[in-house]
Protein backbone atom coordinates (compact mmCIF):
# COMPACT_ATOMS: atom_id res chain seq x y z
CA MET A 1 5.87 -18.83 -17.71
CA GLU A 2 2.98 -17.11 -19.49
CA PRO A 3 -0.08 -16.18 -17.33
CA THR A 4 -3.47 -17.63 -17.91
CA PRO A 5 -5.62 -15.39 -20.24
CA ASP A 6 -8.12 -14.21 -17.67
CA PHE A 7 -5.55 -13.12 -15.10
CA ASP A 8 -4.85 -9.48 -14.29
CA SER A 9 -1.41 -9.51 -13.05
CA GLY A 10 -1.02 -5.65 -12.56
CA LYS A 11 -4.29 -5.56 -10.57
CA LEU A 12 -3.11 -8.29 -8.21
CA ALA A 13 0.23 -6.67 -7.67
CA LYS A 14 -1.19 -3.28 -6.94
CA SER A 15 -3.68 -4.79 -4.52
CA LEU A 16 -0.87 -6.50 -2.66
CA LEU A 17 1.22 -3.46 -2.49
CA ARG A 18 -1.80 -1.49 -1.08
CA ARG A 19 -2.95 -4.04 1.42
CA SER A 20 0.32 -5.25 2.93
CA ARG A 21 1.29 -3.97 6.27
CA GLN A 22 4.39 -6.03 6.99
CA GLY A 23 6.96 -7.52 4.74
CA ALA A 24 10.45 -9.12 4.62
CA LEU A 25 13.08 -6.51 3.65
CA ALA A 26 16.35 -7.80 2.21
CA THR A 27 19.34 -5.58 2.22
CA LEU A 28 23.08 -5.91 1.59
CA MET A 29 25.34 -5.97 4.60
CA ALA A 30 27.66 -2.79 4.71
CA GLY A 31 31.16 -3.89 4.01
CA SER A 32 30.81 -7.60 3.14
CA GLY A 33 27.67 -7.45 0.74
CA ASP A 34 26.19 -10.49 2.36
CA PRO A 35 22.43 -10.68 2.23
CA TYR A 36 20.47 -9.60 5.34
CA CYS A 37 16.67 -9.98 5.73
CA SER A 38 14.41 -8.44 8.37
CA LEU A 39 10.73 -7.95 9.13
CA VAL A 40 9.48 -4.42 8.63
CA ASN A 41 6.09 -2.54 8.77
CA LEU A 42 5.10 -0.58 5.83
CA ALA A 43 2.51 1.61 4.20
CA SER A 44 2.06 2.78 0.74
CA HIS A 45 2.60 6.13 -1.14
CA PRO A 46 -0.25 7.31 -3.28
CA ASP A 47 1.46 5.72 -6.29
CA GLY A 48 1.64 2.40 -4.42
CA SER A 49 5.33 2.44 -3.61
CA PRO A 50 6.30 1.21 -0.12
CA ILE A 51 6.94 3.55 2.72
CA LEU A 52 9.09 2.51 5.71
CA LEU A 53 9.71 4.06 9.11
CA ILE A 54 13.09 2.80 10.29
CA SER A 55 15.80 3.61 12.77
CA ARG A 56 19.45 4.45 11.90
CA LEU A 57 20.36 2.08 14.80
CA ALA A 58 18.84 -0.94 12.90
CA VAL A 59 21.21 -3.00 10.82
CA HIS A 60 18.97 -2.74 7.69
CA THR A 61 18.94 0.94 7.81
CA ARG A 62 22.85 1.09 8.07
CA ASN A 63 22.85 -1.25 5.08
CA ILE A 64 20.46 0.97 3.10
CA LEU A 65 22.68 4.02 3.84
CA ALA A 66 25.64 2.20 2.43
CA ASP A 67 23.81 0.63 -0.52
CA PRO A 68 20.24 1.56 -1.24
CA ARG A 69 19.53 -1.62 -3.31
CA VAL A 70 16.73 -3.58 -1.51
CA SER A 71 14.24 -6.40 -2.21
CA LEU A 72 10.83 -6.60 -0.34
CA MET A 73 8.66 -9.70 -0.25
CA LEU A 74 5.03 -9.42 0.27
CA ASP A 75 2.32 -12.14 0.57
CA GLU A 76 -1.39 -12.06 1.09
CA ARG A 77 -1.22 -14.33 4.15
CA ALA A 78 -4.00 -16.69 2.95
CA ALA A 79 -5.26 -19.47 5.05
CA GLY A 80 -3.83 -22.82 4.67
CA ASP A 81 -0.64 -23.54 2.78
CA PRO A 82 1.21 -20.18 2.62
CA LEU A 83 2.65 -21.29 -0.79
CA GLU A 84 -0.80 -21.39 -2.20
CA GLY A 85 -1.33 -17.60 -1.75
CA ALA A 86 -0.13 -14.86 -4.04
CA ARG A 87 3.15 -13.06 -3.22
CA ILE A 88 5.33 -10.47 -4.83
CA MET A 89 9.14 -9.90 -4.64
CA LEU A 90 9.69 -6.24 -5.23
CA SER A 91 13.28 -4.89 -6.16
CA GLY A 92 14.21 -1.27 -5.98
CA ARG A 93 16.25 1.37 -4.21
CA ALA A 94 15.32 2.79 -0.70
CA GLU A 95 15.57 6.56 -0.39
CA GLN A 96 15.33 8.73 2.54
CA ALA A 97 12.40 10.94 1.54
CA ASP A 98 12.91 14.20 3.40
CA ALA A 99 11.07 16.28 0.72
CA GLU A 100 7.93 14.13 1.25
CA THR A 101 8.16 13.71 4.98
CA GLY A 102 4.71 15.18 5.70
CA LEU A 103 2.87 12.99 3.13
CA LEU A 104 4.85 9.84 4.21
CA GLN A 105 4.15 10.45 7.89
CA ARG A 106 0.47 10.96 7.31
CA ARG A 107 0.04 7.80 5.22
CA TYR A 108 2.27 5.69 7.48
CA LEU A 109 0.52 6.71 10.67
CA ASN A 110 -2.93 6.15 9.09
CA ALA A 111 -1.75 2.48 8.54
CA HIS A 112 0.13 2.22 11.73
CA PRO A 113 -1.27 4.64 14.48
CA SER A 114 0.86 3.06 17.25
CA ALA A 115 3.98 4.24 15.42
CA GLU A 116 3.31 7.90 16.23
CA ALA A 117 5.67 7.77 19.27
CA PHE A 118 8.62 6.85 17.12
CA VAL A 119 8.14 9.78 14.72
CA SER A 120 9.74 12.18 17.12
CA PHE A 121 12.79 9.92 17.79
CA LYS A 122 15.77 11.46 16.10
CA ASP A 123 17.21 8.15 14.83
CA PHE A 124 13.93 7.34 12.91
CA SER A 125 13.41 8.47 9.41
CA PHE A 126 10.91 7.82 6.57
CA PHE A 127 12.24 5.90 3.55
CA ARG A 128 10.37 5.33 0.28
CA ILE A 129 11.31 2.35 -1.93
CA ARG A 130 11.47 3.31 -5.61
CA PRO A 131 10.61 0.06 -7.37
CA THR A 132 12.47 -1.20 -10.54
CA ALA A 133 10.57 -4.45 -10.86
CA ILE A 134 8.12 -7.06 -9.28
CA HIS A 135 8.36 -10.85 -9.53
CA LEU A 136 4.81 -12.05 -9.03
CA VAL A 137 3.93 -15.61 -8.01
CA ALA A 138 0.12 -16.31 -7.83
CA GLY A 139 -0.21 -20.03 -8.49
CA PHE A 140 0.26 -22.39 -11.42
CA GLY A 141 0.52 -20.49 -14.74
CA ARG A 142 0.55 -17.25 -12.94
CA ILE A 143 4.30 -16.35 -12.48
CA LEU A 144 5.68 -13.37 -14.28
CA ASP A 145 7.72 -10.23 -14.05
CA LEU A 146 6.30 -6.74 -13.97
CA LYS A 147 7.69 -3.32 -14.75
CA PRO A 148 6.93 -0.29 -12.55
CA GLN A 149 4.37 1.18 -15.02
CA GLU A 150 2.41 -1.99 -14.77
CA PHE A 151 1.91 -1.88 -10.98
CA LEU A 152 2.37 1.70 -9.75
CA THR A 153 -0.49 4.23 -10.09
CA ASP A 154 0.11 7.13 -12.43
CA LEU A 155 -0.25 10.40 -10.50
CA ALA A 156 0.00 12.69 -13.53
CA GLY A 157 -2.64 15.32 -13.48
CA ALA A 158 -3.93 14.26 -10.06
CA GLU A 159 -2.45 17.13 -8.02
CA ASP A 160 -5.85 18.40 -6.95
CA LEU A 161 -6.86 14.93 -5.71
CA LEU A 162 -3.64 14.54 -3.74
CA ALA A 163 -4.16 18.00 -2.17
CA SER A 164 -7.71 16.94 -1.10
CA GLU A 165 -6.74 13.46 0.22
CA GLU A 166 -6.02 14.42 3.82
CA GLY A 167 -9.29 16.27 4.27
CA ALA A 168 -11.20 13.49 2.38
CA VAL A 169 -9.78 10.74 4.72
CA GLU A 170 -10.54 12.88 7.85
CA HIS A 171 -14.09 13.51 6.63
CA MET A 172 -14.86 9.92 5.92
CA ASN A 173 -13.45 8.78 9.19
CA ALA A 174 -15.32 11.43 11.27
CA ASP A 175 -18.66 11.46 9.41
CA HIS A 176 -19.06 8.31 7.25
CA ARG A 177 -17.89 5.37 9.18
CA ASP A 178 -21.09 3.62 8.34
CA THR A 179 -20.53 4.14 4.63
CA LEU A 180 -16.99 2.61 5.03
CA GLY A 181 -18.67 -0.27 6.58
CA LEU A 182 -21.11 -0.67 3.66
CA TYR A 183 -18.12 -0.43 1.28
CA ALA A 184 -16.49 -3.25 3.03
CA THR A 185 -19.29 -5.62 3.59
CA LYS A 186 -21.51 -4.95 0.48
CA LEU A 187 -19.05 -4.07 -2.14
CA LEU A 188 -15.95 -6.18 -1.02
CA GLY A 189 -17.87 -8.99 0.80
CA VAL A 190 -16.06 -8.96 4.09
CA ALA A 191 -17.25 -9.15 7.67
CA GLU A 192 -18.49 -6.17 9.51
CA GLY A 193 -15.79 -4.35 11.53
CA ASP A 194 -14.44 -0.98 12.66
CA TRP A 195 -13.40 0.01 9.16
CA ARG A 196 -11.79 3.42 8.62
CA CYS A 197 -10.14 5.05 5.58
CA THR A 198 -6.38 5.21 5.38
CA GLY A 199 -5.84 6.84 2.01
CA CYS A 200 -7.12 7.48 -1.50
CA ASP A 201 -5.60 7.93 -4.94
CA PRO A 202 -6.81 8.12 -8.55
CA GLU A 203 -7.53 4.53 -8.73
CA GLY A 204 -9.10 3.56 -5.39
CA LEU A 205 -9.78 3.86 -1.62
CA ASP A 206 -7.76 2.05 1.14
CA MET A 207 -9.48 1.02 4.25
CA GLN A 208 -8.34 -0.92 7.43
CA ASP A 209 -9.71 -2.49 10.61
CA GLY A 210 -6.81 -3.23 12.95
CA GLN A 211 -4.11 -4.78 10.70
CA THR A 212 -6.49 -5.98 7.98
CA ALA A 213 -6.44 -3.75 5.06
CA LEU A 214 -8.86 -3.61 1.95
CA ARG A 215 -8.65 -2.05 -1.38
CA LEU A 216 -11.64 -0.51 -2.88
CA GLU A 217 -11.03 -0.05 -6.64
CA PHE A 218 -12.81 2.79 -8.44
CA PRO A 219 -14.61 1.87 -11.70
CA GLU A 220 -12.75 4.77 -13.38
CA ARG A 221 -9.91 7.10 -12.60
CA VAL A 222 -10.49 10.28 -10.53
CA THR A 223 -8.10 13.23 -10.42
CA THR A 224 -9.78 16.06 -8.41
CA GLY A 225 -11.30 16.38 -4.98
CA THR A 226 -14.75 17.01 -6.57
CA ALA A 227 -14.54 13.89 -8.67
CA LEU A 228 -13.57 11.93 -5.59
CA ARG A 229 -16.52 13.06 -3.73
CA LYS A 230 -18.87 12.16 -6.66
CA MET A 231 -17.23 8.70 -6.82
CA LEU A 232 -17.59 8.10 -3.08
CA VAL A 233 -21.37 9.06 -3.19
CA ARG A 234 -21.83 6.87 -6.27
CA LEU A 235 -20.17 3.90 -4.45
CA ALA A 236 -22.23 4.51 -1.34
CA GLY A 237 -25.40 4.42 -3.45
CA GLU A 238 -24.44 1.09 -4.96
CA ALA A 239 -23.47 -0.31 -1.49
CA ARG A 240 -26.90 0.76 -0.03
CA ALA A 241 -28.80 -0.71 -3.01
CA LYS A 242 -27.05 -4.03 -2.23
CA ALA A 243 -27.95 -3.74 1.42
CA ASP A 244 -31.54 -3.30 0.57
């Protein structure tokens, strides 16, 4: 089905990936190949791909270690009829990400602080789902399939930004919680809350209050720590202007 002309499918898929904190993970039962579905918590890599912290004692982890093919369903949990809200079905391969453990741990715990105790358990490991496609359902006339380049964030040339991310997140949360609140209320139009920053990437800033997550899109791509600071100052000015 062709989407309506004014519909930005990639933007919606990216937003759902960034804002989702839980999802239904489908794996293949080791041995039989039968489908198996479970509820998991998740966070997002800087490129938007899902991060999982799962135990090898869990059935879904044993399934992944035998066959890494997975599917993950995410929805925006809209009020009213759940079928009226947008949702994505992501297919891909789940990989244990030992080389990126520090990055994945930091971003996952930013999204799920209560999971810190599990990180030290020997049976728990971080996995990253490498997407191969997304099937997006966002209402009548808005059903289509997307390729990874249409919903993942290109990190090429953004090494300086990624190296600055941890410090930027800590700085925003320690010294600029009022600014995060202005981003949320004045630029994104949500209610006041205890908003904190959970991550940033070339295309935007992620914020969270409890389990409610927001995505603040940048008007243009940033790839360095200096450019990020300038962008955050610019957006703070826009938010304060609206507040006045």
